[in-house]
C-alpha atoms as a PDB file:
ATOM      1  CA  MET A   1     -41.757 -10.816 -12.600  1.00  0.00           C
ATOM      2  CA  PHE A   2     -38.745 -11.668 -14.675  1.00  0.00           C
ATOM      3  CA  THR A   3     -37.842 -15.238 -15.431  1.00  0.00           C
ATOM      4  CA  ASP A   4     -34.398 -16.583 -16.154  1.00  0.00           C
ATOM      5  CA  ALA A   5     -35.317 -17.208 -19.784  1.00  0.00           C
ATOM      6  CA  GLY A   6     -36.636 -13.645 -20.190  1.00  0.00           C
ATOM      7  CA  ILE A   7     -33.541 -12.139 -18.593  1.00  0.00           C
ATOM      8  CA  ARG A   8     -31.262 -14.319 -20.739  1.00  0.00           C
ATOM      9  CA  ALA A   9     -33.132 -13.319 -23.930  1.00  0.00           C
ATOM     10  CA  ALA A  10     -32.969  -9.605 -23.064  1.00  0.00           C
ATOM     11  CA  LEU A  11     -29.265  -9.854 -22.275  1.00  0.00           C
ATOM     12  CA  GLU A  12     -28.519 -11.674 -25.539  1.00  0.00           C
ATOM     13  CA  THR A  13     -30.459  -9.035 -27.460  1.00  0.00           C
ATOM     14  CA  LEU A  14     -28.449  -6.270 -25.792  1.00  0.00           C
ATOM     15  CA  VAL A  15     -25.107  -7.979 -26.347  1.00  0.00           C
ATOM     16  CA  HIS A  16     -25.816  -8.827 -29.984  1.00  0.00           C
ATOM     17  CA  GLY A  17     -26.956  -5.262 -30.601  1.00  0.00           C
ATOM     18  CA  ILE A  18     -23.506  -3.847 -29.757  1.00  0.00           C
ATOM     19  CA  ASP A  19     -21.431  -2.980 -32.818  1.00  0.00           C
ATOM     20  CA  ALA A  20     -17.875  -3.801 -31.803  1.00  0.00           C
ATOM     21  CA  PRO A  21     -15.029  -2.339 -33.860  1.00  0.00           C
ATOM     22  CA  PRO A  22     -12.815  -4.771 -35.753  1.00  0.00           C
ATOM     23  CA  VAL A  23      -9.780  -6.132 -33.923  1.00  0.00           C
ATOM     24  CA  PRO A  24      -6.499  -4.833 -35.411  1.00  0.00           C
ATOM     25  CA  LEU A  25      -4.736  -8.220 -35.464  1.00  0.00           C
ATOM     26  CA  ALA A  26      -1.932  -7.074 -37.789  1.00  0.00           C
ATOM     27  CA  ALA A  27      -0.974  -4.219 -35.442  1.00  0.00           C
ATOM     28  CA  ILE A  28      -1.137  -6.512 -32.429  1.00  0.00           C
ATOM     29  CA  GLN A  29       1.067  -9.144 -34.069  1.00  0.00           C
ATOM     30  CA  ARG A  30       3.548  -6.472 -35.203  1.00  0.00           C
ATOM     31  CA  LYS A  31       3.799  -5.141 -31.662  1.00  0.00           C
ATOM     32  CA  ILE A  32       4.264  -8.653 -30.251  1.00  0.00           C
ATOM     33  CA  SER A  33       7.146  -9.348 -32.651  1.00  0.00           C
ATOM     34  CA  GLN A  34       9.064  -6.217 -31.581  1.00  0.00           C
ATOM     35  CA  PRO A  35      11.287  -6.487 -28.506  1.00  0.00           C
ATOM     36  CA  GLN A  36       9.898  -4.606 -25.536  1.00  0.00           C
ATOM     37  CA  PRO A  37      12.093  -2.457 -23.291  1.00  0.00           C
ATOM     38  CA  VAL A  38      13.066  -3.998 -19.982  1.00  0.00           C
ATOM     39  CA  VAL A  39      11.669  -2.128 -17.018  1.00  0.00           C
ATOM     40  CA  ARG A  40      14.222  -1.751 -14.273  1.00  0.00           C
ATOM     41  CA  TYR A  41      13.192  -1.088 -10.703  1.00  0.00           C
ATOM     42  CA  ALA A  42      16.644  -0.241  -9.392  1.00  0.00           C
ATOM     43  CA  PRO A  43      15.937   3.495  -8.929  1.00  0.00           C
ATOM     44  CA  ARG A  44      12.867   2.701  -6.829  1.00  0.00           C
ATOM     45  CA  LEU A  45      14.864   0.217  -4.764  1.00  0.00           C
ATOM     46  CA  ALA A  46      17.668   2.742  -4.323  1.00  0.00           C
ATOM     47  CA  ARG A  47      15.186   5.369  -3.097  1.00  0.00           C
ATOM     48  CA  LEU A  48      13.705   2.869  -0.669  1.00  0.00           C
ATOM     49  CA  ARG A  49      17.139   2.017   0.693  1.00  0.00           C
ATOM     50  CA  PHE A  50      17.976   5.708   1.023  1.00  0.00           C
ATOM     51  CA  ALA A  51      14.707   6.396   2.872  1.00  0.00           C
ATOM     52  CA  ALA A  52      15.313   3.472   5.236  1.00  0.00           C
ATOM     53  CA  ALA A  53      18.840   4.703   5.940  1.00  0.00           C
ATOM     54  CA  ALA A  54      17.524   8.209   6.618  1.00  0.00           C
ATOM     55  CA  VAL A  55      14.901   6.900   9.061  1.00  0.00           C
ATOM     56  CA  ILE A  56      17.522   4.833  10.870  1.00  0.00           C
ATOM     57  CA  ALA A  57      19.876   7.829  11.042  1.00  0.00           C
ATOM     58  CA  VAL A  58      17.133  10.035  12.486  1.00  0.00           C
ATOM     59  CA  LEU A  59      16.309   7.395  15.098  1.00  0.00           C
ATOM     60  CA  VAL A  60      19.967   6.954  16.038  1.00  0.00           C
ATOM     61  CA  VAL A  61      20.383  10.710  16.469  1.00  0.00           C
ATOM     62  CA  THR A  62      17.141  11.462  18.322  1.00  0.00           C
ATOM     63  CA  LEU A  63      16.552   8.322  20.376  1.00  0.00           C
ATOM     64  CA  PRO A  64      19.454   8.800  22.822  1.00  0.00           C
ATOM     65  CA  SER A  65      18.333  12.336  23.640  1.00  0.00           C
ATOM     66  CA  ILE A  66      14.699  11.288  24.172  1.00  0.00           C
ATOM     67  CA  SER A  67      15.223   7.984  25.963  1.00  0.00           C
ATOM     68  CA  PRO A  68      16.539   9.274  29.362  1.00  0.00           C
ATOM     69  CA  ALA A  69      13.545  11.554  29.825  1.00  0.00           C
ATOM     70  CA  PHE A  70      11.212   8.810  28.667  1.00  0.00           C
ATOM     71  CA  VAL A  71      12.715   6.278  31.096  1.00  0.00           C
ATOM     72  CA  GLN A  72      12.626   8.795  33.945  1.00  0.00           C
ATOM     73  CA  SER A  73       8.952   9.555  33.313  1.00  0.00           C
ATOM     74  CA  ILE A  74       8.109   5.840  33.377  1.00  0.00           C
ATOM     75  CA  GLU A  75      10.151   5.430  36.551  1.00  0.00           C
ATOM     76  CA  ALA A  76       8.371   8.377  38.200  1.00  0.00           C
ATOM     77  CA  ARG A  77       4.984   6.913  37.311  1.00  0.00           C
ATOM     78  CA  TYR A  78       6.035   3.517  38.637  1.00  0.00           C
ATOM     79  CA  ARG A  79       7.149   5.033  41.957  1.00  0.00           C
ATOM     80  CA  ALA A  80       3.991   7.175  42.221  1.00  0.00           C
ATOM     81  CA  ALA A  81       1.609   4.279  41.578  1.00  0.00           C
ATOM     82  CA  PRO A  82       1.713   2.726  45.093  1.00  0.00           C
ATOM     83  CA  ARG A  83       1.252   6.131  46.724  1.00  0.00           C
ATOM     84  CA  ALA A  84      -1.731   6.886  44.466  1.00  0.00           C
ATOM     85  CA  ALA A  85      -3.253   3.489  45.213  1.00  0.00           C
ATOM     86  CA  ILE A  86      -3.006   4.081  48.973  1.00  0.00           C
ATOM     87  CA  GLY A  87      -4.323   7.616  48.638  1.00  0.00           C
ATOM     88  CA  ARG A  88      -1.147   9.497  49.491  1.00  0.00           C
ATOM     89  CA  VAL A  89       0.212  11.894  46.962  1.00  0.00           C
END
């Protein structure tokens, strides 16, 4: 079986065998020194607000037309429950 020392030696051999490319420090430092553009999230926030307003508008328009039928169906079930429990329909 494998021992910890054998696994560690094999891993070190594999890692040291990798030829890594040189790090471009000059390019990295040049990029750090340049000012970066500011990312603004206002358009995303505006779309979210618009979507929320649209959902609320749809609910305001459709809920009053659905709610009477919904309440009446619940009321009919509530009134039919005692009759169904007794066995009368």
